[in-house]
């Protein structure tokens, strides 16, 4: 568990709001530009969209929301390092056990289906 004390910051300052609006305008401009320049190949227009989205993400990264997102991903990466991953042998053994259990359950359900089919079709309906 991370012992970091949460810093209370204002939900959104004017500068952050302006940066978010600028990022939104960059993406909107990229969408409009994609359709406006339809005489150019789609690959170039798509590359322009990717550049604009990356620029917008860069602008958002400079806001409080961006800082919180970066901290979240950094802490997630830190937590992933603490995970104990199973070995190859454990993974193979677990997979074999699951396959055997699925096969046993399938056979049991098949037998129940045969029994119910026999009871309903042959005994009750007289077919």
N, C-alpha and C. Protein backbone atom coordinates (compact mmCIF):
# COMPACT_ATOMS: atom_id res chain seq x y z
N UNK A 1 0.84 -1.18 0.00
CA UNK A 1 0.00 0.00 0.00
C UNK A 1 0.88 1.23 0.00
N UNK A 2 0.49 2.20 -0.76
CA UNK A 2 1.28 3.41 -0.87
C UNK A 2 0.93 4.34 0.28
N UNK A 3 1.95 4.81 0.98
CA UNK A 3 1.72 5.64 2.16
C UNK A 3 1.71 7.13 1.83
N UNK A 4 1.57 7.44 0.57
CA UNK A 4 1.58 8.84 0.16
C UNK A 4 0.30 9.53 0.63
N UNK A 5 0.45 10.73 1.17
CA UNK A 5 -0.71 11.50 1.63
C UNK A 5 -1.29 12.24 0.44
N UNK A 6 -2.60 12.13 0.29
CA UNK A 6 -3.27 12.80 -0.82
C UNK A 6 -3.20 14.30 -0.65
N UNK A 7 -2.78 14.98 -1.67
CA UNK A 7 -2.75 16.43 -1.68
C UNK A 7 -4.09 16.92 -2.20
N UNK A 8 -4.70 17.81 -1.47
CA UNK A 8 -5.96 18.35 -1.96
C UNK A 8 -5.65 19.54 -2.84
N UNK A 9 -6.05 19.42 -4.09
CA UNK A 9 -5.84 20.54 -5.01
C UNK A 9 -7.19 20.94 -5.57
N UNK A 10 -7.22 22.15 -6.07
CA UNK A 10 -8.48 22.63 -6.60
C UNK A 10 -8.91 21.74 -7.76
N UNK A 11 -10.21 21.52 -7.90
CA UNK A 11 -10.67 20.61 -8.94
C UNK A 11 -10.22 21.03 -10.33
N UNK A 12 -10.20 22.30 -10.60
CA UNK A 12 -9.79 22.75 -11.92
C UNK A 12 -9.48 24.24 -11.87
N UNK A 13 -8.26 24.57 -12.20
CA UNK A 13 -7.92 25.98 -12.24
C UNK A 13 -8.25 26.52 -13.63
N UNK A 14 -8.18 27.81 -13.77
CA UNK A 14 -8.49 28.44 -15.06
C UNK A 14 -7.49 27.99 -16.12
N UNK A 15 -6.22 27.87 -15.75
CA UNK A 15 -5.21 27.42 -16.70
C UNK A 15 -5.48 26.00 -17.18
N UNK A 16 -5.87 25.13 -16.25
CA UNK A 16 -6.19 23.75 -16.64
C UNK A 16 -7.40 23.71 -17.56
N UNK A 17 -8.39 24.52 -17.25
CA UNK A 17 -9.58 24.56 -18.09
C UNK A 17 -9.23 25.03 -19.50
N UNK A 18 -8.40 26.05 -19.59
CA UNK A 18 -7.99 26.54 -20.91
C UNK A 18 -7.18 25.48 -21.67
N UNK A 19 -6.31 24.77 -20.96
CA UNK A 19 -5.53 23.70 -21.62
C UNK A 19 -6.44 22.59 -22.12
N UNK A 20 -7.44 22.22 -21.33
CA UNK A 20 -8.37 21.17 -21.76
C UNK A 20 -9.19 21.63 -22.96
N UNK A 21 -9.60 22.89 -22.97
CA UNK A 21 -10.33 23.42 -24.12
C UNK A 21 -9.43 23.44 -25.35
N UNK A 22 -8.15 23.82 -25.16
CA UNK A 22 -7.21 23.83 -26.28
C UNK A 22 -7.02 22.41 -26.84
N UNK A 23 -6.91 21.43 -25.96
CA UNK A 23 -6.76 20.04 -26.42
C UNK A 23 -8.00 19.59 -27.18
N UNK A 24 -9.16 19.96 -26.69
CA UNK A 24 -10.40 19.62 -27.38
C UNK A 24 -10.47 20.30 -28.75
N UNK A 25 -10.03 21.54 -28.82
CA UNK A 25 -10.02 22.26 -30.09
C UNK A 25 -9.03 21.64 -31.08
N UNK A 26 -7.90 21.16 -30.57
CA UNK A 26 -6.92 20.51 -31.45
C UNK A 26 -7.52 19.24 -32.05
N UNK A 27 -8.18 18.45 -31.22
CA UNK A 27 -8.81 17.22 -31.73
C UNK A 27 -9.94 17.56 -32.70
N UNK A 28 -10.75 18.54 -32.35
CA UNK A 28 -11.84 18.94 -33.24
C UNK A 28 -11.28 19.46 -34.56
N UNK A 29 -10.22 20.24 -34.50
CA UNK A 29 -9.59 20.73 -35.72
C UNK A 29 -9.03 19.60 -36.56
N UNK A 30 -8.50 18.57 -35.91
CA UNK A 30 -7.98 17.43 -36.65
C UNK A 30 -9.10 16.67 -37.36
N UNK A 31 -10.24 16.55 -36.70
CA UNK A 31 -11.38 15.86 -37.31
C UNK A 31 -11.89 16.66 -38.51
N UNK A 32 -12.04 17.96 -38.31
CA UNK A 32 -12.49 18.81 -39.41
C UNK A 32 -11.48 18.76 -40.56
N UNK A 33 -10.19 18.82 -40.23
CA UNK A 33 -9.16 18.79 -41.25
C UNK A 33 -9.13 17.48 -42.00
N UNK A 34 -9.43 16.39 -41.32
CA UNK A 34 -9.45 15.08 -41.98
C UNK A 34 -10.46 15.07 -43.13
N UNK A 35 -11.63 15.64 -42.88
CA UNK A 35 -12.67 15.66 -43.91
C UNK A 35 -12.50 16.83 -44.88
N UNK A 36 -11.92 17.92 -44.42
CA UNK A 36 -11.73 19.10 -45.27
C UNK A 36 -10.72 18.81 -46.38
N UNK A 37 -9.65 18.09 -46.05
CA UNK A 37 -8.60 17.78 -47.01
C UNK A 37 -8.80 16.39 -47.61
N UNK A 38 -10.01 16.13 -48.08
CA UNK A 38 -10.32 14.80 -48.61
C UNK A 38 -9.65 14.52 -49.95
N UNK A 39 -9.04 15.53 -50.57
CA UNK A 39 -8.36 15.31 -51.84
C UNK A 39 -6.99 14.64 -51.64
N UNK A 40 -6.49 14.63 -50.41
CA UNK A 40 -5.20 14.01 -50.11
C UNK A 40 -5.41 12.55 -49.71
N UNK A 41 -4.38 11.72 -49.84
CA UNK A 41 -4.52 10.30 -49.48
C UNK A 41 -4.91 10.12 -48.00
N UNK A 42 -5.66 9.06 -47.75
CA UNK A 42 -6.16 8.81 -46.39
C UNK A 42 -5.02 8.57 -45.41
N UNK A 43 -3.92 8.02 -45.89
CA UNK A 43 -2.78 7.78 -44.99
C UNK A 43 -2.21 9.06 -44.43
N UNK A 44 -2.09 10.10 -45.28
CA UNK A 44 -1.58 11.38 -44.80
C UNK A 44 -2.55 12.02 -43.81
N UNK A 45 -3.82 11.92 -44.14
CA UNK A 45 -4.83 12.51 -43.24
C UNK A 45 -4.85 11.76 -41.89
N UNK A 46 -4.71 10.44 -41.94
CA UNK A 46 -4.68 9.66 -40.70
C UNK A 46 -3.44 10.01 -39.89
N UNK A 47 -2.31 10.20 -40.56
CA UNK A 47 -1.09 10.60 -39.85
C UNK A 47 -1.28 11.95 -39.18
N UNK A 48 -1.95 12.86 -39.87
CA UNK A 48 -2.25 14.16 -39.26
C UNK A 48 -3.14 14.02 -38.04
N UNK A 49 -4.12 13.11 -38.11
CA UNK A 49 -4.99 12.87 -36.96
C UNK A 49 -4.18 12.33 -35.78
N UNK A 50 -3.28 11.40 -36.06
CA UNK A 50 -2.48 10.81 -34.98
C UNK A 50 -1.60 11.87 -34.33
N UNK A 51 -0.98 12.72 -35.15
CA UNK A 51 -0.14 13.80 -34.62
C UNK A 51 -0.98 14.74 -33.76
N UNK A 52 -2.18 15.08 -34.23
CA UNK A 52 -3.04 16.00 -33.48
C UNK A 52 -3.49 15.38 -32.16
N UNK A 53 -3.84 14.11 -32.18
CA UNK A 53 -4.27 13.45 -30.93
C UNK A 53 -3.10 13.37 -29.95
N UNK A 54 -1.91 13.07 -30.45
CA UNK A 54 -0.74 13.05 -29.57
C UNK A 54 -0.46 14.43 -28.99
N UNK A 55 -0.63 15.48 -29.81
CA UNK A 55 -0.44 16.84 -29.31
C UNK A 55 -1.48 17.16 -28.23
N UNK A 56 -2.72 16.74 -28.47
CA UNK A 56 -3.78 16.99 -27.48
C UNK A 56 -3.48 16.24 -26.19
N UNK A 57 -2.99 15.00 -26.30
CA UNK A 57 -2.62 14.25 -25.09
C UNK A 57 -1.48 14.93 -24.35
N UNK A 58 -0.54 15.51 -25.11
CA UNK A 58 0.54 16.25 -24.49
C UNK A 58 0.03 17.46 -23.73
N UNK A 59 -0.95 18.15 -24.31
CA UNK A 59 -1.54 19.31 -23.63
C UNK A 59 -2.27 18.86 -22.37
N UNK A 60 -3.04 17.77 -22.47
CA UNK A 60 -3.78 17.28 -21.30
C UNK A 60 -2.82 16.82 -20.22
N UNK A 61 -1.65 16.28 -20.60
CA UNK A 61 -0.68 15.81 -19.61
C UNK A 61 -0.15 16.94 -18.75
N UNK A 62 -0.27 18.17 -19.21
CA UNK A 62 0.21 19.31 -18.44
C UNK A 62 -0.81 19.82 -17.43
N UNK A 63 -1.98 19.23 -17.37
CA UNK A 63 -3.03 19.67 -16.44
C UNK A 63 -3.00 18.81 -15.18
N UNK A 64 -3.83 19.17 -14.21
CA UNK A 64 -3.93 18.39 -12.97
C UNK A 64 -4.46 16.99 -13.26
N UNK A 65 -5.38 16.88 -14.19
CA UNK A 65 -5.91 15.57 -14.57
C UNK A 65 -4.79 14.71 -15.16
N UNK A 66 -3.95 15.32 -15.98
CA UNK A 66 -2.83 14.61 -16.58
C UNK A 66 -1.82 14.15 -15.53
N UNK A 67 -1.57 15.00 -14.54
CA UNK A 67 -0.64 14.62 -13.47
C UNK A 67 -1.20 13.46 -12.67
N UNK A 68 -2.50 13.49 -12.38
CA UNK A 68 -3.11 12.38 -11.64
C UNK A 68 -3.06 11.10 -12.46
N UNK A 69 -3.28 11.21 -13.77
CA UNK A 69 -3.22 10.02 -14.63
C UNK A 69 -1.81 9.45 -14.67
N UNK A 70 -0.80 10.32 -14.77
CA UNK A 70 0.59 9.84 -14.78
C UNK A 70 0.92 9.16 -13.46
N UNK A 71 0.49 9.74 -12.34
CA UNK A 71 0.72 9.11 -11.03
C UNK A 71 0.03 7.76 -10.94
N UNK A 72 -1.19 7.69 -11.45
CA UNK A 72 -1.93 6.43 -11.42
C UNK A 72 -1.19 5.34 -12.19
N UNK A 73 -0.71 5.68 -13.40
CA UNK A 73 -0.01 4.68 -14.21
C UNK A 73 1.33 4.30 -13.58
N UNK A 74 2.00 5.26 -12.97
CA UNK A 74 3.27 4.95 -12.30
C UNK A 74 3.03 4.02 -11.12
N UNK A 75 1.99 4.28 -10.34
CA UNK A 75 1.68 3.41 -9.20
C UNK A 75 1.20 2.04 -9.67
N UNK A 76 0.48 2.00 -10.78
CA UNK A 76 0.04 0.71 -11.32
C UNK A 76 1.24 -0.12 -11.76
N UNK A 77 2.20 0.52 -12.40
CA UNK A 77 3.41 -0.18 -12.81
C UNK A 77 4.18 -0.68 -11.59
N UNK A 78 4.23 0.12 -10.54
CA UNK A 78 4.89 -0.29 -9.30
C UNK A 78 4.20 -1.52 -8.70
N UNK A 79 2.87 -1.51 -8.70
CA UNK A 79 2.13 -2.65 -8.16
C UNK A 79 2.32 -3.89 -9.02
N UNK A 80 2.43 -3.73 -10.34
CA UNK A 80 2.64 -4.89 -11.21
C UNK A 80 3.98 -5.56 -10.92
N UNK A 81 4.97 -4.80 -10.48
CA UNK A 81 6.26 -5.40 -10.15
C UNK A 81 6.15 -6.29 -8.92
N UNK A 82 5.15 -6.07 -8.08
CA UNK A 82 4.99 -6.87 -6.86
C UNK A 82 4.21 -8.16 -7.09
N UNK A 83 3.63 -8.33 -8.27
CA UNK A 83 2.83 -9.52 -8.57
C UNK A 83 3.75 -10.73 -8.72
N UNK A 84 3.35 -11.84 -8.12
CA UNK A 84 4.09 -13.09 -8.27
C UNK A 84 3.41 -13.86 -9.39
N UNK A 85 4.08 -13.93 -10.55
CA UNK A 85 3.50 -14.61 -11.71
C UNK A 85 3.78 -16.10 -11.61
N UNK A 86 2.84 -16.93 -12.07
CA UNK A 86 3.06 -18.38 -12.00
C UNK A 86 4.17 -18.81 -12.97
N UNK A 87 4.80 -19.92 -12.59
CA UNK A 87 5.83 -20.46 -13.48
C UNK A 87 5.16 -21.16 -14.65
N UNK A 88 5.95 -21.52 -15.64
CA UNK A 88 5.42 -22.23 -16.80
C UNK A 88 4.80 -23.56 -16.37
N UNK A 89 5.47 -24.27 -15.48
CA UNK A 89 4.96 -25.56 -15.02
C UNK A 89 3.62 -25.40 -14.30
N UNK A 90 3.49 -24.40 -13.44
CA UNK A 90 2.22 -24.16 -12.76
C UNK A 90 1.11 -23.82 -13.75
N UNK A 91 1.43 -23.03 -14.76
CA UNK A 91 0.44 -22.65 -15.76
C UNK A 91 -0.03 -23.87 -16.55
N UNK A 92 0.92 -24.72 -16.96
CA UNK A 92 0.56 -25.92 -17.72
C UNK A 92 -0.29 -26.86 -16.87
N UNK A 93 0.10 -27.07 -15.62
CA UNK A 93 -0.66 -27.96 -14.73
C UNK A 93 -2.07 -27.44 -14.50
N UNK A 94 -2.20 -26.15 -14.27
CA UNK A 94 -3.52 -25.56 -14.06
C UNK A 94 -4.38 -25.69 -15.31
N UNK A 95 -3.78 -25.49 -16.46
CA UNK A 95 -4.52 -25.62 -17.72
C UNK A 95 -5.01 -27.05 -17.92
N UNK A 96 -4.17 -28.02 -17.61
CA UNK A 96 -4.57 -29.43 -17.75
C UNK A 96 -5.71 -29.76 -16.80
N UNK A 97 -5.63 -29.29 -15.56
CA UNK A 97 -6.70 -29.54 -14.60
C UNK A 97 -8.01 -28.94 -15.09
N UNK A 98 -7.95 -27.72 -15.62
CA UNK A 98 -9.17 -27.07 -16.12
C UNK A 98 -9.74 -27.84 -17.29
N UNK A 99 -8.91 -28.30 -18.22
CA UNK A 99 -9.40 -29.07 -19.36
C UNK A 99 -10.05 -30.37 -18.92
N UNK A 100 -9.46 -31.06 -17.95
CA UNK A 100 -10.04 -32.31 -17.45
C UNK A 100 -11.39 -32.04 -16.80
N UNK A 101 -11.48 -31.01 -15.98
CA UNK A 101 -12.75 -30.69 -15.31
C UNK A 101 -13.81 -30.32 -16.35
N UNK A 102 -13.45 -29.56 -17.37
CA UNK A 102 -14.41 -29.20 -18.41
C UNK A 102 -14.89 -30.45 -19.14
N UNK A 103 -14.00 -31.38 -19.43
CA UNK A 103 -14.40 -32.61 -20.11
C UNK A 103 -15.33 -33.44 -19.24
N UNK A 104 -15.03 -33.55 -17.95
CA UNK A 104 -15.90 -34.32 -17.03
C UNK A 104 -17.28 -33.69 -16.95
N UNK A 105 -17.34 -32.37 -16.79
CA UNK A 105 -18.63 -31.68 -16.71
C UNK A 105 -19.39 -31.85 -18.03
N UNK A 106 -18.69 -31.79 -19.15
CA UNK A 106 -19.34 -31.98 -20.46
C UNK A 106 -19.96 -33.37 -20.57
N UNK A 107 -19.25 -34.38 -20.13
CA UNK A 107 -19.79 -35.75 -20.18
C UNK A 107 -20.99 -35.88 -19.27
N UNK A 108 -20.93 -35.29 -18.08
CA UNK A 108 -22.07 -35.35 -17.16
C UNK A 108 -23.28 -34.67 -17.77
N UNK A 109 -23.10 -33.49 -18.36
CA UNK A 109 -24.23 -32.79 -18.98
C UNK A 109 -24.76 -33.56 -20.18
N UNK A 110 -23.89 -34.21 -20.94
CA UNK A 110 -24.33 -35.03 -22.08
C UNK A 110 -25.18 -36.19 -21.60
N UNK A 111 -24.76 -36.84 -20.49
CA UNK A 111 -25.53 -37.96 -19.95
C UNK A 111 -26.89 -37.48 -19.43
N UNK A 112 -26.92 -36.32 -18.78
CA UNK A 112 -28.20 -35.77 -18.30
C UNK A 112 -29.10 -35.47 -19.49
N UNK A 113 -28.54 -34.93 -20.56
CA UNK A 113 -29.31 -34.64 -21.76
C UNK A 113 -29.89 -35.92 -22.37
N UNK A 114 -29.09 -36.97 -22.43
CA UNK A 114 -29.58 -38.26 -22.94
C UNK A 114 -30.72 -38.80 -22.07
N UNK A 115 -30.55 -38.73 -20.76
CA UNK A 115 -31.57 -39.22 -19.84
C UNK A 115 -32.87 -38.43 -19.99
N UNK A 116 -32.76 -37.11 -19.99
CA UNK A 116 -33.96 -36.29 -20.13
C UNK A 116 -34.62 -36.49 -21.49
N UNK A 117 -33.81 -36.62 -22.54
CA UNK A 117 -34.38 -36.89 -23.86
C UNK A 117 -35.11 -38.22 -23.90
N UNK A 118 -34.54 -39.23 -23.29
CA UNK A 118 -35.17 -40.55 -23.23
C UNK A 118 -36.48 -40.49 -22.45
N UNK A 119 -36.44 -39.80 -21.29
CA UNK A 119 -37.64 -39.72 -20.45
C UNK A 119 -38.74 -38.93 -21.17
N UNK A 120 -38.42 -37.82 -21.73
CA UNK A 120 -39.44 -36.96 -22.33
C UNK A 120 -39.94 -37.53 -23.65
N UNK A 121 -39.04 -37.89 -24.55
CA UNK A 121 -39.44 -38.34 -25.88
C UNK A 121 -40.05 -39.74 -25.85
N UNK A 122 -39.42 -40.68 -25.15
CA UNK A 122 -39.88 -42.05 -25.20
C UNK A 122 -40.99 -42.34 -24.19
N UNK A 123 -40.87 -41.90 -22.99
CA UNK A 123 -41.82 -42.27 -21.93
C UNK A 123 -43.04 -41.36 -21.90
N UNK A 124 -42.82 -40.03 -21.94
CA UNK A 124 -43.96 -39.13 -21.81
C UNK A 124 -44.71 -38.94 -23.13
N UNK A 125 -43.99 -38.82 -24.23
CA UNK A 125 -44.63 -38.56 -25.50
C UNK A 125 -44.91 -39.84 -26.28
N UNK A 126 -44.33 -40.93 -25.82
CA UNK A 126 -44.58 -42.21 -26.46
C UNK A 126 -44.02 -42.31 -27.86
N UNK A 127 -42.96 -41.54 -28.15
CA UNK A 127 -42.40 -41.50 -29.50
C UNK A 127 -41.38 -42.55 -29.68
